[in-house]
């Protein structure tokens, strides 16, 4: 139990440090991805939803 608590605290501390590093040097989406806004001509998306009903796993995609 102590190891799980310590691991959880360490992961939360890492997340806080990562957020602080990002927040002190904010970037736009375009800077972070390196994409050129003027060269994008279209967009698409893909979604997968998984669920279990009565013990049977299934996926639904859009």
Protein backbone atom coordinates (compact mmCIF):
# COMPACT_ATOMS: atom_id res chain seq x y z
CA UNK A 1 0.00 0.00 0.00
CA UNK A 2 2.83 2.39 0.85
CA UNK A 3 4.54 1.71 -2.49
CA UNK A 4 1.35 2.52 -4.41
CA UNK A 5 0.90 5.75 -2.49
CA UNK A 6 4.52 6.75 -3.08
CA UNK A 7 4.26 5.89 -6.78
CA UNK A 8 1.05 7.93 -7.09
CA UNK A 9 2.65 10.93 -5.39
CA UNK A 10 5.70 10.71 -7.66
CA UNK A 11 3.53 10.57 -10.78
CA UNK A 12 1.50 13.57 -9.63
CA UNK A 13 4.70 15.49 -8.88
CA UNK A 14 6.03 14.72 -12.37
CA UNK A 15 2.73 15.89 -13.90
CA UNK A 16 2.86 19.15 -11.92
CA UNK A 17 6.47 19.80 -12.97
CA UNK A 18 5.65 19.08 -16.62
CA UNK A 19 2.67 21.45 -16.49
CA UNK A 20 4.77 24.19 -14.88
CA UNK A 21 7.47 23.84 -17.53
CA UNK A 22 4.85 24.08 -20.28
CA UNK A 23 3.04 26.97 -18.62
CA UNK A 24 6.18 29.07 -18.22
CA UNK A 25 6.95 28.65 -21.92
CA UNK A 26 3.49 28.62 -23.57
CA UNK A 27 3.38 27.74 -27.23
CA UNK A 28 0.64 27.86 -29.79
CA UNK A 29 -0.65 24.67 -31.39
CA UNK A 30 1.23 25.55 -34.57
CA UNK A 31 4.55 26.08 -32.77
CA UNK A 32 4.21 22.87 -30.76
CA UNK A 33 3.38 20.70 -33.80
CA UNK A 34 5.58 22.48 -36.35
CA UNK A 35 2.70 22.54 -38.84
CA UNK A 36 2.17 25.39 -41.30
CA UNK A 37 -1.32 26.83 -40.97
CA UNK A 38 -1.42 28.06 -44.58
CA UNK A 39 -0.71 24.60 -46.03
CA UNK A 40 -3.65 22.85 -44.37
CA UNK A 41 -6.48 22.38 -46.85
CA UNK A 42 -8.75 19.92 -45.04
CA UNK A 43 -9.24 18.02 -41.82
CA UNK A 44 -10.62 14.63 -40.87
CA UNK A 45 -11.29 12.69 -37.72
CA UNK A 46 -11.60 9.12 -36.54
CA UNK A 47 -13.13 7.87 -33.31
CA UNK A 48 -13.24 4.43 -31.71
CA UNK A 49 -15.53 3.61 -28.81
CA UNK A 50 -15.11 0.37 -26.93
CA UNK A 51 -17.53 -1.08 -24.43
CA UNK A 52 -18.55 -4.34 -22.78
CA UNK A 53 -22.19 -5.42 -22.65
CA UNK A 54 -23.20 -8.64 -20.89
CA UNK A 55 -19.59 -9.84 -20.98
CA UNK A 56 -19.18 -9.21 -24.72
CA UNK A 57 -16.61 -6.66 -25.86
CA UNK A 58 -17.40 -4.58 -28.92
CA UNK A 59 -16.03 -1.57 -30.80
CA UNK A 60 -17.87 1.15 -32.61
CA UNK A 61 -16.03 3.39 -35.06
CA UNK A 62 -16.96 6.66 -36.71
